[in-house]
């Protein structure tokens, strides 16, 4: 099997969950059956949404360059970045290293389309991810229409991410239910949880079957590309 590199810490709890999910979904009967991983938990990474919206991304990209090149030096065969918003910078980050970086949004949209008869995909994500069209481009390339939220519901998503999960507080599920109701009214065939903080909602709460977690797609690809078996 090949070594997996992870640029994490965005946020730390999401990275911890990613690691846990890789372990739980790897077919293994002993320690040696698991994937060797190098995780850089770069919690000091500048906020991705802020970097996108302000255009002040110099420091962010410098840190990404350092991390990507460190993982290459340590012999990683693939790199996973459990942060959807950072994929706005995917091409730039990939240019820093010869190691292939798994494109989480692309894999998530591919999985959504694989459910069959999917035409409208709701995107639950940060302002940065929505405004830059990271998922909209992938949906368009796959032949689906991306559906974004009203300003009021998008503000609720940002509150869930920043005021609840990142702040270490319980998620206000009334906000989540309000957001999902809007996606249902928009006749979405699937809704992608396109922020790794939102993955923690799926971990702790029952959510509608229409939802698909981008983190799950990244976990699966990380395991398979590393040469292990996904379960």
Protein backbone atom coordinates (compact mmCIF):
# COMPACT_ATOMS: atom_id res chain seq x y z
CA UNK A 1 0.00 0.00 0.00
CA UNK A 2 1.01 3.60 -0.54
CA UNK A 3 1.32 6.37 2.02
CA UNK A 4 -1.42 8.99 2.22
CA UNK A 5 -0.68 12.62 3.03
CA UNK A 6 -3.27 14.91 4.60
CA UNK A 7 -3.28 18.70 4.78
CA UNK A 8 -5.66 19.14 7.68
CA UNK A 9 -6.60 21.34 10.59
CA UNK A 10 -9.37 23.10 8.63
CA UNK A 11 -10.86 22.61 11.17
CA UNK A 12 -9.15 20.23 13.57
CA UNK A 13 -12.32 18.34 14.49
CA UNK A 14 -13.12 17.74 10.83
CA UNK A 15 -9.62 16.35 10.27
CA UNK A 16 -9.97 14.11 13.31
CA UNK A 17 -13.25 12.81 11.90
CA UNK A 18 -11.64 12.19 8.50
CA UNK A 19 -8.88 10.12 10.12
CA UNK A 20 -11.42 8.15 12.16
CA UNK A 21 -13.51 7.46 9.05
CA UNK A 22 -10.49 6.23 7.06
CA UNK A 23 -9.69 3.79 9.86
CA UNK A 24 -13.28 2.60 10.24
CA UNK A 25 -13.82 2.08 6.51
CA UNK A 26 -10.55 0.28 5.77
CA UNK A 27 -10.82 -3.50 5.62
CA UNK A 28 -8.22 -4.56 8.19
CA UNK A 29 -7.63 -7.48 10.53
CA UNK A 30 -4.46 -6.06 12.09
CA UNK A 31 -2.55 -2.79 12.44
CA UNK A 32 -0.45 -3.54 9.38
CA UNK A 33 -3.53 -3.69 7.13
CA UNK A 34 -4.22 0.02 7.66
CA UNK A 35 -2.88 2.85 5.52
CA UNK A 36 0.27 4.69 6.50
CA UNK A 37 -0.72 8.35 6.83
CA UNK A 38 1.08 11.62 7.43
CA UNK A 39 -1.32 14.24 8.78
CA UNK A 40 -0.33 17.88 8.99
CA UNK A 41 -2.95 19.52 11.19
CA UNK A 42 -2.35 23.11 10.14
CA UNK A 43 -4.87 24.77 12.46
CA UNK A 44 -3.13 28.11 11.99
CA UNK A 45 -3.99 28.04 8.27
CA UNK A 46 -5.62 31.38 7.33
CA UNK A 47 -9.39 31.21 6.94
CA UNK A 48 -10.14 30.01 3.41
CA UNK A 49 -13.40 31.90 2.92
CA UNK A 50 -11.81 35.14 4.11
CA UNK A 51 -8.85 34.64 1.75
CA UNK A 52 -11.20 34.13 -1.18
CA UNK A 53 -13.54 37.02 -0.44
CA UNK A 54 -10.75 39.53 0.31
CA UNK A 55 -8.31 38.33 -2.32
CA UNK A 56 -5.61 38.21 0.36
CA UNK A 57 -4.46 34.64 -0.28
CA UNK A 58 -0.66 35.02 -0.28
CA UNK A 59 -0.05 33.63 3.21
CA UNK A 60 -2.58 30.84 2.73
CA UNK A 61 -0.87 29.65 -0.43
CA UNK A 62 2.56 29.88 1.18
CA UNK A 63 1.41 27.55 3.97
CA UNK A 64 -0.21 25.20 1.47
CA UNK A 65 3.02 25.09 -0.54
CA UNK A 66 5.06 24.24 2.55
CA UNK A 67 2.65 21.49 3.60
CA UNK A 68 2.31 19.93 0.15
CA UNK A 69 6.06 19.85 -0.38
CA UNK A 70 6.62 18.40 3.10
CA UNK A 71 4.23 15.55 2.32
CA UNK A 72 6.03 14.92 -0.97
CA UNK A 73 9.37 14.80 0.82
CA UNK A 74 7.93 12.29 3.30
CA UNK A 75 7.04 9.93 0.46
CA UNK A 76 3.26 10.36 0.23
CA UNK A 77 1.72 8.96 -2.95
CA UNK A 78 -1.53 10.93 -2.74
CA UNK A 79 -2.73 13.97 -0.80
CA UNK A 80 -6.17 14.52 0.71
CA UNK A 81 -7.36 17.94 1.87
CA UNK A 82 -10.45 17.59 4.09
CA UNK A 83 -11.63 21.14 3.44
CA UNK A 84 -14.03 21.87 0.58
CA UNK A 85 -13.42 25.62 0.40
CA UNK A 86 -9.67 25.16 -0.09
CA UNK A 87 -10.38 23.38 -3.38
CA UNK A 88 -10.91 26.80 -4.94
CA UNK A 89 -7.11 26.88 -4.88
CA UNK A 90 -6.80 23.30 -6.15
CA UNK A 91 -4.81 24.03 -9.30
CA UNK A 92 -2.39 26.28 -7.45
CA UNK A 93 -1.85 23.77 -4.66
CA UNK A 94 -1.39 20.96 -7.17
CA UNK A 95 1.27 23.03 -8.93
CA UNK A 96 3.34 22.98 -5.72
CA UNK A 97 3.84 19.20 -5.79
CA UNK A 98 4.12 16.22 -8.11
CA UNK A 99 1.96 14.19 -5.73
CA UNK A 100 -1.64 13.87 -7.02
CA UNK A 101 -4.19 15.68 -4.85
CA UNK A 102 -7.63 14.08 -4.58
CA UNK A 103 -10.29 16.54 -5.78
CA UNK A 104 -13.01 16.18 -3.13
CA UNK A 105 -15.75 18.25 -4.85
CA UNK A 106 -15.29 16.33 -8.11
CA UNK A 107 -15.54 12.99 -6.34
CA UNK A 108 -18.61 14.10 -4.38
CA UNK A 109 -20.46 15.22 -7.51
CA UNK A 110 -19.50 11.99 -9.24
CA UNK A 111 -20.95 10.03 -6.35
CA UNK A 112 -24.14 12.09 -6.41
CA UNK A 113 -24.59 11.45 -10.12
CA UNK A 114 -24.03 7.76 -9.51
CA UNK A 115 -27.23 7.61 -7.50
CA UNK A 116 -29.14 7.72 -10.79
CA UNK A 117 -31.62 10.19 -12.28
CA UNK A 118 -30.02 13.18 -10.58
CA UNK A 119 -30.61 16.53 -12.24
CA UNK A 120 -30.59 19.12 -9.45
CA UNK A 121 -27.92 19.08 -6.73
CA UNK A 122 -28.18 21.32 -3.69
CA UNK A 123 -24.91 22.70 -2.35
CA UNK A 124 -24.63 23.31 1.39
CA UNK A 125 -21.29 25.06 1.85
CA UNK A 126 -19.42 28.16 3.00
CA UNK A 127 -19.87 31.52 1.30
CA UNK A 128 -16.42 31.08 -0.21
CA UNK A 129 -17.27 27.74 -1.80
CA UNK A 130 -20.61 29.04 -3.12
CA UNK A 131 -19.35 32.34 -4.51
CA UNK A 132 -16.38 30.82 -6.31
CA UNK A 133 -18.48 28.13 -7.97
CA UNK A 134 -16.24 25.26 -6.90
CA UNK A 135 -19.18 22.85 -6.90
CA UNK A 136 -21.16 24.62 -9.61
CA UNK A 137 -18.40 23.88 -12.13
CA UNK A 138 -18.26 20.21 -11.18
CA UNK A 139 -22.05 19.91 -11.35
CA UNK A 140 -22.11 21.56 -14.76
CA UNK A 141 -19.39 19.26 -16.07
CA UNK A 142 -21.42 16.27 -14.88
CA UNK A 143 -24.63 17.54 -16.49
CA UNK A 144 -26.46 18.58 -13.32
CA UNK A 145 -27.82 21.93 -12.18
CA UNK A 146 -26.32 23.27 -8.93
CA UNK A 147 -28.86 24.74 -6.53
CA UNK A 148 -27.76 27.38 -4.02
CA UNK A 149 -29.67 28.80 -1.08
CA UNK A 150 -31.39 32.11 -0.49
CA UNK A 151 -29.28 34.69 1.39
CA UNK A 152 -31.23 33.95 4.59
CA UNK A 153 -30.64 30.20 4.47
CA UNK A 154 -27.03 30.64 3.36
CA UNK A 155 -26.51 32.79 6.46
CA UNK A 156 -27.95 29.93 8.51
CA UNK A 157 -25.41 27.53 6.99
CA UNK A 158 -22.56 29.89 7.85
CA UNK A 159 -23.90 30.15 11.40
CA UNK A 160 -23.96 26.36 11.71
CA UNK A 161 -20.37 26.15 10.49
CA UNK A 162 -18.83 29.04 12.44
CA UNK A 163 -21.11 29.66 15.42
CA UNK A 164 -21.83 26.01 16.17
CA UNK A 165 -19.27 23.48 14.90
CA UNK A 166 -16.08 25.58 14.77
CA UNK A 167 -17.01 27.17 18.11
CA UNK A 168 -17.40 23.74 19.71
CA UNK A 169 -21.11 24.19 20.39
CA UNK A 170 -24.00 21.78 19.67
CA UNK A 171 -25.46 22.22 16.21
CA UNK A 172 -28.76 24.07 16.12
CA UNK A 173 -30.75 21.53 14.10
CA UNK A 174 -33.62 23.98 13.64
CA UNK A 175 -31.33 25.95 11.33
CA UNK A 176 -30.34 22.78 9.50
CA UNK A 177 -33.97 21.72 9.05
CA UNK A 178 -34.85 25.17 7.69
CA UNK A 179 -32.07 24.89 5.13
CA UNK A 180 -33.12 21.39 4.08
CA UNK A 181 -36.73 22.54 3.66
CA UNK A 182 -35.57 25.09 1.09
CA UNK A 183 -33.65 22.44 -0.85
CA UNK A 184 -36.74 20.22 -0.88
CA UNK A 185 -38.85 23.11 -2.18
CA UNK A 186 -36.27 23.58 -4.94
CA UNK A 187 -36.84 19.93 -5.94
CA UNK A 188 -33.25 18.85 -5.42
CA UNK A 189 -32.49 15.22 -6.21
CA UNK A 190 -29.43 15.28 -3.95
CA UNK A 191 -27.85 17.68 -1.46
CA UNK A 192 -24.09 17.67 -0.95
CA UNK A 193 -22.77 18.54 2.49
CA UNK A 194 -19.92 20.50 0.96
CA UNK A 195 -18.13 21.63 4.11
CA UNK A 196 -16.25 19.24 6.39
CA UNK A 197 -17.78 20.89 9.47
CA UNK A 198 -21.17 19.81 8.14
CA UNK A 199 -19.91 16.22 8.10
CA UNK A 200 -20.10 16.31 11.88
CA UNK A 201 -23.86 16.84 11.67
CA UNK A 202 -24.18 13.54 9.84
CA UNK A 203 -22.01 11.92 12.50
CA UNK A 204 -24.18 13.11 15.39
CA UNK A 205 -27.69 13.37 13.91
CA UNK A 206 -30.07 11.58 11.56
CA UNK A 207 -30.30 13.52 8.31
CA UNK A 208 -32.43 13.01 5.17
CA UNK A 209 -31.38 10.30 2.73
CA UNK A 210 -31.15 12.95 0.02
CA UNK A 211 -27.95 14.22 1.67
CA UNK A 212 -24.52 13.11 0.53
CA UNK A 213 -21.41 13.94 2.52
CA UNK A 214 -18.39 15.07 0.48
CA UNK A 215 -16.17 13.81 3.30
CA UNK A 216 -17.38 10.26 2.61
CA UNK A 217 -16.28 10.58 -1.01
CA UNK A 218 -12.84 11.77 0.08
CA UNK A 219 -12.53 8.93 2.58
CA UNK A 220 -13.38 6.32 -0.04
CA UNK A 221 -10.98 7.71 -2.63
CA UNK A 222 -8.21 8.03 -0.04
CA UNK A 223 -8.53 4.37 0.91
CA UNK A 224 -8.85 2.99 -2.60
CA UNK A 225 -6.04 5.08 -4.10
CA UNK A 226 -3.76 4.04 -1.26
CA UNK A 227 -4.25 0.40 -2.24
CA UNK A 228 -6.50 -0.71 0.61
CA UNK A 229 -10.04 -2.06 0.45
CA UNK A 230 -13.00 0.18 1.33
CA UNK A 231 -15.86 -1.18 3.41
